[in-house]
PDB file of N, CA and C in Angstrom:
ATOM      1  N   MET A   1     -13.808  55.792  17.671  1.00  0.00           N
ATOM      2  CA  MET A   1     -12.601  56.339  17.087  1.00  0.00           C
ATOM      3  C   MET A   1     -12.088  55.379  16.031  1.00  0.00           C
ATOM      4  N   GLN A   2     -11.847  55.892  14.855  1.00  0.00           N
ATOM      5  CA  GLN A   2     -11.393  55.064  13.744  1.00  0.00           C
ATOM      6  C   GLN A   2      -9.878  54.923  13.789  1.00  0.00           C
ATOM      7  N   LYS A   3      -9.402  53.688  13.646  1.00  0.00           N
ATOM      8  CA  LYS A   3      -7.965  53.444  13.638  1.00  0.00           C
ATOM      9  C   LYS A   3      -7.402  53.732  12.257  1.00  0.00           C
ATOM     10  N   GLN A   4      -6.201  54.326  12.256  1.00  0.00           N
ATOM     11  CA  GLN A   4      -5.529  54.586  10.988  1.00  0.00           C
ATOM     12  C   GLN A   4      -4.806  53.319  10.563  1.00  0.00           C
ATOM     13  N   ARG A   5      -4.994  52.928   9.332  1.00  0.00           N
ATOM     14  CA  ARG A   5      -4.322  51.741   8.817  1.00  0.00           C
ATOM     15  C   ARG A   5      -2.875  52.057   8.517  1.00  0.00           C
ATOM     16  N   ARG A   6      -2.011  51.132   8.849  1.00  0.00           N
ATOM     17  CA  ARG A   6      -0.586  51.301   8.574  1.00  0.00           C
ATOM     18  C   ARG A   6      -0.146  50.136   7.706  1.00  0.00           C
ATOM     19  N   TYR A   7       0.458  50.458   6.594  1.00  0.00           N
ATOM     20  CA  TYR A   7       0.953  49.447   5.678  1.00  0.00           C
ATOM     21  C   TYR A   7       2.469  49.525   5.661  1.00  0.00           C
ATOM     22  N   GLU A   8       3.108  48.389   5.827  1.00  0.00           N
ATOM     23  CA  GLU A   8       4.566  48.347   5.836  1.00  0.00           C
ATOM     24  C   GLU A   8       5.118  48.804   4.490  1.00  0.00           C
ATOM     25  N   GLY A   9       6.067  49.724   4.512  1.00  0.00           N
ATOM     26  CA  GLY A   9       6.709  50.187   3.289  1.00  0.00           C
ATOM     27  C   GLY A   9       5.886  51.163   2.478  1.00  0.00           C
ATOM     28  N   VAL A  10       4.828  51.710   3.080  1.00  0.00           N
ATOM     29  CA  VAL A  10       3.970  52.672   2.379  1.00  0.00           C
ATOM     30  C   VAL A  10       3.702  53.848   3.315  1.00  0.00           C
ATOM     31  N   VAL A  11       3.851  55.058   2.799  1.00  0.00           N
ATOM     32  CA  VAL A  11       3.506  56.259   3.563  1.00  0.00           C
ATOM     33  C   VAL A  11       2.585  57.127   2.713  1.00  0.00           C
ATOM     34  N   MET A  12       2.010  58.121   3.342  1.00  0.00           N
ATOM     35  CA  MET A  12       1.141  59.050   2.634  1.00  0.00           C
ATOM     36  C   MET A  12       2.006  60.055   1.881  1.00  0.00           C
ATOM     37  N   GLY A  13       1.806  60.145   0.589  1.00  0.00           N
ATOM     38  CA  GLY A  13       2.564  61.088  -0.226  1.00  0.00           C
ATOM     39  C   GLY A  13       2.021  62.493  -0.095  1.00  0.00           C
ATOM     40  N   PRO A  14       2.693  63.464  -0.674  1.00  0.00           N
ATOM     41  CA  PRO A  14       2.266  64.863  -0.557  1.00  0.00           C
ATOM     42  C   PRO A  14       0.913  65.143  -1.207  1.00  0.00           C
ATOM     43  N   ASP A  15       0.504  64.287  -2.133  1.00  0.00           N
ATOM     44  CA  ASP A  15      -0.788  64.466  -2.804  1.00  0.00           C
ATOM     45  C   ASP A  15      -1.889  63.626  -2.170  1.00  0.00           C
ATOM     46  N   GLY A  16      -1.566  62.948  -1.052  1.00  0.00           N
ATOM     47  CA  GLY A  16      -2.554  62.138  -0.354  1.00  0.00           C
ATOM     48  C   GLY A  16      -2.622  60.701  -0.819  1.00  0.00           C
ATOM     49  N   ASN A  17      -1.858  60.349  -1.822  1.00  0.00           N
ATOM     50  CA  ASN A  17      -1.824  58.975  -2.321  1.00  0.00           C
ATOM     51  C   ASN A  17      -0.691  58.201  -1.660  1.00  0.00           C
ATOM     52  N   PRO A  18      -0.810  56.865  -1.622  1.00  0.00           N
ATOM     53  CA  PRO A  18       0.257  56.048  -1.038  1.00  0.00           C
ATOM     54  C   PRO A  18       1.573  56.249  -1.787  1.00  0.00           C
ATOM     55  N   LEU A  19       2.667  56.214  -1.035  1.00  0.00           N
ATOM     56  CA  LEU A  19       3.997  56.425  -1.588  1.00  0.00           C
ATOM     57  C   LEU A  19       4.897  55.295  -1.107  1.00  0.00           C
ATOM     58  N   THR A  20       5.552  54.612  -2.040  1.00  0.00           N
ATOM     59  CA  THR A  20       6.489  53.543  -1.710  1.00  0.00           C
ATOM     60  C   THR A  20       7.879  53.939  -2.197  1.00  0.00           C
ATOM     61  N   LEU A  21       8.875  53.148  -1.850  1.00  0.00           N
ATOM     62  CA  LEU A  21      10.231  53.418  -2.333  1.00  0.00           C
ATOM     63  C   LEU A  21      10.282  53.453  -3.852  1.00  0.00           C
ATOM     64  N   ASP A  22       9.490  52.594  -4.496  1.00  0.00           N
ATOM     65  CA  ASP A  22       9.466  52.560  -5.964  1.00  0.00           C
ATOM     66  C   ASP A  22       8.892  53.836  -6.576  1.00  0.00           C
ATOM     67  N   ASP A  23       8.086  54.565  -5.807  1.00  0.00           N
ATOM     68  CA  ASP A  23       7.474  55.800  -6.300  1.00  0.00           C
ATOM     69  C   ASP A  23       8.384  57.014  -6.162  1.00  0.00           C
ATOM     70  N   LEU A  24       9.450  56.874  -5.391  1.00  0.00           N
ATOM     71  CA  LEU A  24      10.341  58.008  -5.153  1.00  0.00           C
ATOM     72  C   LEU A  24      11.129  58.361  -6.407  1.00  0.00           C
ATOM     73  N   PRO A  25      11.614  59.597  -6.482  1.00  0.00           N
ATOM     74  CA  PRO A  25      12.415  59.997  -7.648  1.00  0.00           C
ATOM     75  C   PRO A  25      13.658  59.113  -7.779  1.00  0.00           C
ATOM     76  N   PRO A  26      14.163  58.951  -8.994  1.00  0.00           N
ATOM     77  CA  PRO A  26      15.389  58.166  -9.188  1.00  0.00           C
ATOM     78  C   PRO A  26      16.558  58.794  -8.419  1.00  0.00           C
ATOM     79  N   ALA A  27      17.500  57.968  -8.025  1.00  0.00           N
ATOM     80  CA  ALA A  27      18.655  58.446  -7.250  1.00  0.00           C
ATOM     81  C   ALA A  27      19.487  59.467  -8.017  1.00  0.00           C
ATOM     82  N   ASN A  28      19.455  59.408  -9.328  1.00  0.00           N
ATOM     83  CA  ASN A  28      20.263  60.329 -10.141  1.00  0.00           C
ATOM     84  C   ASN A  28      19.494  61.590 -10.551  1.00  0.00           C
ATOM     85  N   THR A  29      18.435  61.916  -9.844  1.00  0.00           N
ATOM     86  CA  THR A  29      17.629  63.097 -10.158  1.00  0.00           C
ATOM     87  C   THR A  29      18.475  64.361 -10.050  1.00  0.00           C
ATOM     88  N   THR A  30      18.386  65.197 -11.067  1.00  0.00           N
ATOM     89  CA  THR A  30      19.097  66.477 -11.038  1.00  0.00           C
ATOM     90  C   THR A  30      18.131  67.656 -11.123  1.00  0.00           C
ATOM     91  N   ARG A  31      16.940  67.431 -11.638  1.00  0.00           N
ATOM     92  CA  ARG A  31      15.941  68.502 -11.752  1.00  0.00           C
ATOM     93  C   ARG A  31      14.911  68.302 -10.644  1.00  0.00           C
ATOM     94  N   TRP A  32      15.013  69.131  -9.614  1.00  0.00           N
ATOM     95  CA  TRP A  32      14.183  68.968  -8.432  1.00  0.00           C
ATOM     96  C   TRP A  32      12.945  69.858  -8.497  1.00  0.00           C
ATOM     97  N   VAL A  33      11.878  69.323  -9.060  1.00  0.00           N
ATOM     98  CA  VAL A  33      10.601  70.037  -9.094  1.00  0.00           C
ATOM     99  C   VAL A  33       9.920  69.865  -7.735  1.00  0.00           C
ATOM    100  N   ILE A  34       8.912  70.662  -7.489  1.00  0.00           N
ATOM    101  CA  ILE A  34       8.208  70.659  -6.205  1.00  0.00           C
ATOM    102  C   ILE A  34       7.770  69.257  -5.799  1.00  0.00           C
ATOM    103  N   ARG A  35       7.143  68.540  -6.699  1.00  0.00           N
ATOM    104  CA  ARG A  35       6.607  67.220  -6.380  1.00  0.00           C
ATOM    105  C   ARG A  35       7.697  66.275  -5.889  1.00  0.00           C
ATOM    106  N   ARG A  36       8.840  66.282  -6.552  1.00  0.00           N
ATOM    107  CA  ARG A  36       9.928  65.371  -6.166  1.00  0.00           C
ATOM    108  C   ARG A  36      10.473  65.710  -4.782  1.00  0.00           C
ATOM    109  N   LYS A  37      10.671  66.988  -4.521  1.00  0.00           N
ATOM    110  CA  LYS A  37      11.144  67.398  -3.197  1.00  0.00           C
ATOM    111  C   LYS A  37      10.144  66.966  -2.127  1.00  0.00           C
ATOM    112  N   ALA A  38       8.871  67.213  -2.391  1.00  0.00           N
ATOM    113  CA  ALA A  38       7.824  66.881  -1.427  1.00  0.00           C
ATOM    114  C   ALA A  38       7.736  65.379  -1.193  1.00  0.00           C
ATOM    115  N   GLU A  39       7.952  64.577  -2.221  1.00  0.00           N
ATOM    116  CA  GLU A  39       7.927  63.122  -2.057  1.00  0.00           C
ATOM    117  C   GLU A  39       9.060  62.652  -1.153  1.00  0.00           C
ATOM    118  N   VAL A  40      10.242  63.221  -1.329  1.00  0.00           N
ATOM    119  CA  VAL A  40      11.377  62.830  -0.489  1.00  0.00           C
ATOM    120  C   VAL A  40      11.128  63.245   0.965  1.00  0.00           C
ATOM    121  N   VAL A  41      10.614  64.440   1.174  1.00  0.00           N
ATOM    122  CA  VAL A  41      10.303  64.890   2.531  1.00  0.00           C
ATOM    123  C   VAL A  41       9.238  63.990   3.154  1.00  0.00           C
ATOM    124  N   ALA A  42       8.208  63.646   2.407  1.00  0.00           N
ATOM    125  CA  ALA A  42       7.153  62.763   2.920  1.00  0.00           C
ATOM    126  C   ALA A  42       7.713  61.387   3.266  1.00  0.00           C
ATOM    127  N   ALA A  43       8.625  60.887   2.455  1.00  0.00           N
ATOM    128  CA  ALA A  43       9.222  59.574   2.712  1.00  0.00           C
ATOM    129  C   ALA A  43      10.017  59.578   4.009  1.00  0.00           C
ATOM    130  N   VAL A  44      10.742  60.650   4.267  1.00  0.00           N
ATOM    131  CA  VAL A  44      11.519  60.734   5.509  1.00  0.00           C
ATOM    132  C   VAL A  44      10.585  60.927   6.700  1.00  0.00           C
ATOM    133  N   ARG A  45       9.615  61.811   6.571  1.00  0.00           N
ATOM    134  CA  ARG A  45       8.652  62.037   7.662  1.00  0.00           C
ATOM    135  C   ARG A  45       7.903  60.762   8.029  1.00  0.00           C
ATOM    136  N   GLY A  46       7.556  59.985   7.013  1.00  0.00           N
ATOM    137  CA  GLY A  46       6.784  58.769   7.247  1.00  0.00           C
ATOM    138  C   GLY A  46       7.614  57.558   7.625  1.00  0.00           C
ATOM    139  N   GLY A  47       8.935  57.702   7.630  1.00  0.00           N
ATOM    140  CA  GLY A  47       9.792  56.593   8.022  1.00  0.00           C
ATOM    141  C   GLY A  47      10.134  55.633   6.903  1.00  0.00           C
ATOM    142  N   LEU A  48       9.796  55.986   5.686  1.00  0.00           N
ATOM    143  CA  LEU A  48      10.118  55.142   4.537  1.00  0.00           C
ATOM    144  C   LEU A  48      11.624  55.163   4.280  1.00  0.00           C
ATOM    145  N   LEU A  49      12.230  56.319   4.492  1.00  0.00           N
ATOM    146  CA  LEU A  49      13.683  56.510   4.392  1.00  0.00           C
ATOM    147  C   LEU A  49      14.139  57.253   5.642  1.00  0.00           C
ATOM    148  N   THR A  50      15.369  57.017   6.064  1.00  0.00           N
ATOM    149  CA  THR A  50      15.940  57.856   7.114  1.00  0.00           C
ATOM    150  C   THR A  50      16.499  59.107   6.451  1.00  0.00           C
ATOM    151  N   LEU A  51      16.748  60.118   7.242  1.00  0.00           N
ATOM    152  CA  LEU A  51      17.357  61.334   6.711  1.00  0.00           C
ATOM    153  C   LEU A  51      18.700  61.005   6.075  1.00  0.00           C
ATOM    154  N   GLU A  52      19.471  60.165   6.738  1.00  0.00           N
ATOM    155  CA  GLU A  52      20.788  59.785   6.214  1.00  0.00           C
ATOM    156  C   GLU A  52      20.661  59.055   4.881  1.00  0.00           C
ATOM    157  N   ASP A  53      19.691  58.142   4.790  1.00  0.00           N
ATOM    158  CA  ASP A  53      19.473  57.407   3.539  1.00  0.00           C
ATOM    159  C   ASP A  53      19.072  58.351   2.409  1.00  0.00           C
ATOM    160  N   ALA A  54      18.181  59.284   2.710  1.00  0.00           N
ATOM    161  CA  ALA A  54      17.723  60.231   1.685  1.00  0.00           C
ATOM    162  C   ALA A  54      18.880  61.109   1.209  1.00  0.00           C
ATOM    163  N   CYS A  55      19.684  61.591   2.148  1.00  0.00           N
ATOM    164  CA  CYS A  55      20.817  62.452   1.773  1.00  0.00           C
ATOM    165  C   CYS A  55      21.830  61.683   0.937  1.00  0.00           C
ATOM    166  N   ALA A  56      22.103  60.441   1.309  1.00  0.00           N
ATOM    167  CA  ALA A  56      23.055  59.631   0.542  1.00  0.00           C
ATOM    168  C   ALA A  56      22.493  59.293  -0.834  1.00  0.00           C
ATOM    169  N   ARG A  57      21.232  58.898  -0.876  1.00  0.00           N
ATOM    170  CA  ARG A  57      20.602  58.486  -2.136  1.00  0.00           C
ATOM    171  C   ARG A  57      20.556  59.622  -3.152  1.00  0.00           C
ATOM    172  N   TYR A  58      20.278  60.840  -2.664  1.00  0.00           N
ATOM    173  CA  TYR A  58      20.084  61.973  -3.569  1.00  0.00           C
ATOM    174  C   TYR A  58      21.229  62.989  -3.535  1.00  0.00           C
ATOM    175  N   SER A  59      22.318  62.648  -2.882  1.00  0.00           N
ATOM    176  CA  SER A  59      23.477  63.554  -2.767  1.00  0.00           C
ATOM    177  C   SER A  59      23.061  64.922  -2.227  1.00  0.00           C
ATOM    178  N   LEU A  60      22.286  64.901  -1.153  1.00  0.00           N
ATOM    179  CA  LEU A  60      21.827  66.124  -0.499  1.00  0.00           C
ATOM    180  C   LEU A  60      22.599  66.334   0.793  1.00  0.00           C
ATOM    181  N   THR A  61      22.702  67.571   1.217  1.00  0.00           N
ATOM    182  CA  THR A  61      23.195  67.832   2.564  1.00  0.00           C
ATOM    183  C   THR A  61      21.985  67.819   3.494  1.00  0.00           C
ATOM    184  N   SER A  62      22.230  67.596   4.771  1.00  0.00           N
ATOM    185  CA  SER A  62      21.110  67.623   5.710  1.00  0.00           C
ATOM    186  C   SER A  62      20.511  69.028   5.772  1.00  0.00           C
ATOM    187  N   GLU A  63      21.335  70.046   5.545  1.00  0.00           N
ATOM    188  CA  GLU A  63      20.838  71.425   5.533  1.00  0.00           C
ATOM    189  C   GLU A  63      19.887  71.662   4.358  1.00  0.00           C
ATOM    190  N   GLU A  64      20.234  71.097   3.199  1.00  0.00           N
ATOM    191  CA  GLU A  64      19.376  71.250   2.025  1.00  0.00           C
ATOM    192  C   GLU A  64      18.031  70.562   2.254  1.00  0.00           C
ATOM    193  N   PHE A  65      18.076  69.340   2.781  1.00  0.00           N
ATOM    194  CA  PHE A  65      16.833  68.630   3.076  1.00  0.00           C
ATOM    195  C   PHE A  65      16.018  69.409   4.103  1.00  0.00           C
ATOM    196  N   ASP A  66      16.680  69.886   5.151  1.00  0.00           N
ATOM    197  CA  ASP A  66      15.976  70.610   6.201  1.00  0.00           C
ATOM    198  C   ASP A  66      15.332  71.886   5.663  1.00  0.00           C
ATOM    199  N   ALA A  67      15.961  72.519   4.688  1.00  0.00           N
ATOM    200  CA  ALA A  67      15.365  73.706   4.057  1.00  0.00           C
ATOM    201  C   ALA A  67      14.070  73.328   3.337  1.00  0.00           C
ATOM    202  N   TRP A  68      14.060  72.176   2.664  1.00  0.00           N
ATOM    203  CA  TRP A  68      12.831  71.704   2.000  1.00  0.00           C
ATOM    204  C   TRP A  68      11.740  71.462   3.041  1.00  0.00           C
ATOM    205  N   ARG A  69      12.111  70.771   4.124  1.00  0.00           N
ATOM    206  CA  ARG A  69      11.146  70.434   5.170  1.00  0.00           C
ATOM    207  C   ARG A  69      10.557  71.699   5.790  1.00  0.00           C
ATOM    208  N   ARG A  70      11.415  72.652   6.116  1.00  0.00           N
ATOM    209  CA  ARG A  70      10.945  73.911   6.706  1.00  0.00           C
ATOM    210  C   ARG A  70      10.055  74.689   5.745  1.00  0.00           C
ATOM    211  N   SER A  71      10.412  74.696   4.472  1.00  0.00           N
ATOM    212  CA  SER A  71       9.598  75.406   3.474  1.00  0.00           C
ATOM    213  C   SER A  71       8.195  74.831   3.406  1.00  0.00           C
ATOM    214  N   ILE A  72       8.097  73.502   3.455  1.00  0.00           N
ATOM    215  CA  ILE A  72       6.777  72.858   3.435  1.00  0.00           C
ATOM    216  C   ILE A  72       6.005  73.212   4.700  1.00  0.00           C
ATOM    217  N   GLU A  73       6.665  73.147   5.854  1.00  0.00           N
ATOM    218  CA  GLU A  73       5.988  73.442   7.118  1.00  0.00           C
ATOM    219  C   GLU A  73       5.491  74.884   7.178  1.00  0.00           C
ATOM    220  N   ARG A  74       6.276  75.809   6.680  1.00  0.00           N
ATOM    221  CA  ARG A  74       5.934  77.233   6.792  1.00  0.00           C
ATOM    222  C   ARG A  74       5.028  77.743   5.680  1.00  0.00           C
ATOM    223  N   HIS A  75       5.223  77.216   4.459  1.00  0.00           N
ATOM    224  CA  HIS A  75       4.541  77.795   3.301  1.00  0.00           C
ATOM    225  C   HIS A  75       3.784  76.780   2.452  1.00  0.00           C
ATOM    226  N   GLY A  76       3.779  75.515   2.859  1.00  0.00           N
ATOM    227  CA  GLY A  76       3.142  74.487   2.045  1.00  0.00           C
ATOM    228  C   GLY A  76       3.986  74.186   0.816  1.00  0.00           C
ATOM    229  N   LEU A  77       3.430  73.434  -0.100  1.00  0.00           N
ATOM    230  CA  LEU A  77       4.179  73.051  -1.297  1.00  0.00           C
ATOM    231  C   LEU A  77       4.663  74.243  -2.124  1.00  0.00           C
ATOM    232  N   PRO A  78       3.906  75.344  -2.224  1.00  0.00           N
ATOM    233  CA  PRO A  78       4.422  76.488  -2.990  1.00  0.00           C
ATOM    234  C   PRO A  78       5.752  77.023  -2.446  1.00  0.00           C
ATOM    235  N   GLY A  79       6.034  76.775  -1.170  1.00  0.00           N
ATOM    236  CA  GLY A  79       7.290  77.220  -0.587  1.00  0.00           C
ATOM    237  C   GLY A  79       8.506  76.546  -1.188  1.00  0.00           C
ATOM    238  N   LEU A  80       8.301  75.445  -1.892  1.00  0.00           N
ATOM    239  CA  LEU A  80       9.406  74.722  -2.519  1.00  0.00           C
ATOM    240  C   LEU A  80       9.785  75.290  -3.878  1.00  0.00           C
ATOM    241  N   ARG A  81       9.006  76.218  -4.391  1.00  0.00           N
ATOM    242  CA  ARG A  81       9.341  76.819  -5.688  1.00  0.00           C
ATOM    243  C   ARG A  81      10.607  77.643  -5.544  1.00  0.00           C
ATOM    244  N   THR A  82      11.586  77.368  -6.370  1.00  0.00           N
ATOM    245  CA  THR A  82      12.842  78.116  -6.275  1.00  0.00           C
ATOM    246  C   THR A  82      12.640  79.587  -6.616  1.00  0.00           C
ATOM    247  N   THR A  83      11.637  79.882  -7.421  1.00  0.00           N
ATOM    248  CA  THR A  83      11.393  81.278  -7.794  1.00  0.00           C
ATOM    249  C   THR A  83      10.779  82.072  -6.645  1.00  0.00           C
ATOM    250  N   ARG A  84      10.280  81.401  -5.612  1.00  0.00           N
ATOM    251  CA  ARG A  84       9.640  82.083  -4.490  1.00  0.00           C
ATOM    252  C   ARG A  84      10.524  82.141  -3.245  1.00  0.00           C
ATOM    253  N   ILE A  85      11.700  81.537  -3.292  1.00  0.00           N
ATOM    254  CA  ILE A  85      12.553  81.480  -2.111  1.00  0.00           C
ATOM    255  C   ILE A  85      12.847  82.876  -1.572  1.00  0.00           C
ATOM    256  N   GLN A  86      13.239  83.787  -2.438  1.00  0.00           N
ATOM    257  CA  GLN A  86      13.575  85.135  -1.984  1.00  0.00           C
ATOM    258  C   GLN A  86      12.363  85.809  -1.349  1.00  0.00           C
ATOM    259  N   HIS A  87      11.192  85.636  -1.934  1.00  0.00           N
ATOM    260  CA  HIS A  87       9.966  86.218  -1.382  1.00  0.00           C
ATOM    261  C   HIS A  87       9.726  85.722   0.038  1.00  0.00           C
ATOM    262  N   TYR A  88       9.853  84.423   0.256  1.00  0.00           N
ATOM    263  CA  TYR A  88       9.598  83.858   1.575  1.00  0.00           C
ATOM    264  C   TYR A  88      10.676  84.263   2.575  1.00  0.00           C
ATOM    265  N   ARG A  89      11.917  84.373   2.135  1.00  0.00           N
ATOM    266  CA  ARG A  89      12.983  84.804   3.042  1.00  0.00           C
ATOM    267  C   ARG A  89      12.742  86.237   3.509  1.00  0.00           C
ATOM    268  N   VAL A  90      12.324  87.101   2.608  1.00  0.00           N
ATOM    269  CA  VAL A  90      12.054  88.492   2.963  1.00  0.00           C
ATOM    270  C   VAL A  90      10.880  88.569   3.928  1.00  0.00           C
ATOM    271  N   SER A  91       9.834  87.788   3.694  1.00  0.00           N
ATOM    272  CA  SER A  91       8.645  87.847   4.543  1.00  0.00           C
ATOM    273  C   SER A  91       8.900  87.284   5.935  1.00  0.00           C
ATOM    274  N   GLU A  92       9.941  86.466   6.108  1.00  0.00           N
ATOM    275  CA  GLU A  92      10.253  85.903   7.420  1.00  0.00           C
ATOM    276  C   GLU A  92      11.135  86.827   8.239  1.00  0.00           C
ATOM    277  N   ALA A  93      11.792  87.766   7.590  1.00  0.00           N
ATOM    278  CA  ALA A  93      12.743  88.652   8.298  1.00  0.00           C
ATOM    279  C   ALA A  93      12.032  89.688   9.141  1.00  0.00           C
TER     280      ALA A  93
END
């Protein structure tokens, strides 16, 4: 059985590459494209940031972050497209 390497301050990003705090979107980000949302979710999942830290850093509500997380879990990265939100909501009903 192969052991997974763990590097302090590094998590696996949404594209499979290492992700550090320096790689995360700037705190003043206002245009949330799929990649940026996915990076923040990956950082929280991997323990790079706490949920509270991410919400404070990016002025997010926990509900907004949780919506991103659920969209990724249910629909993958395409679920983060704002143009597809209505489609996914209808398909879940």
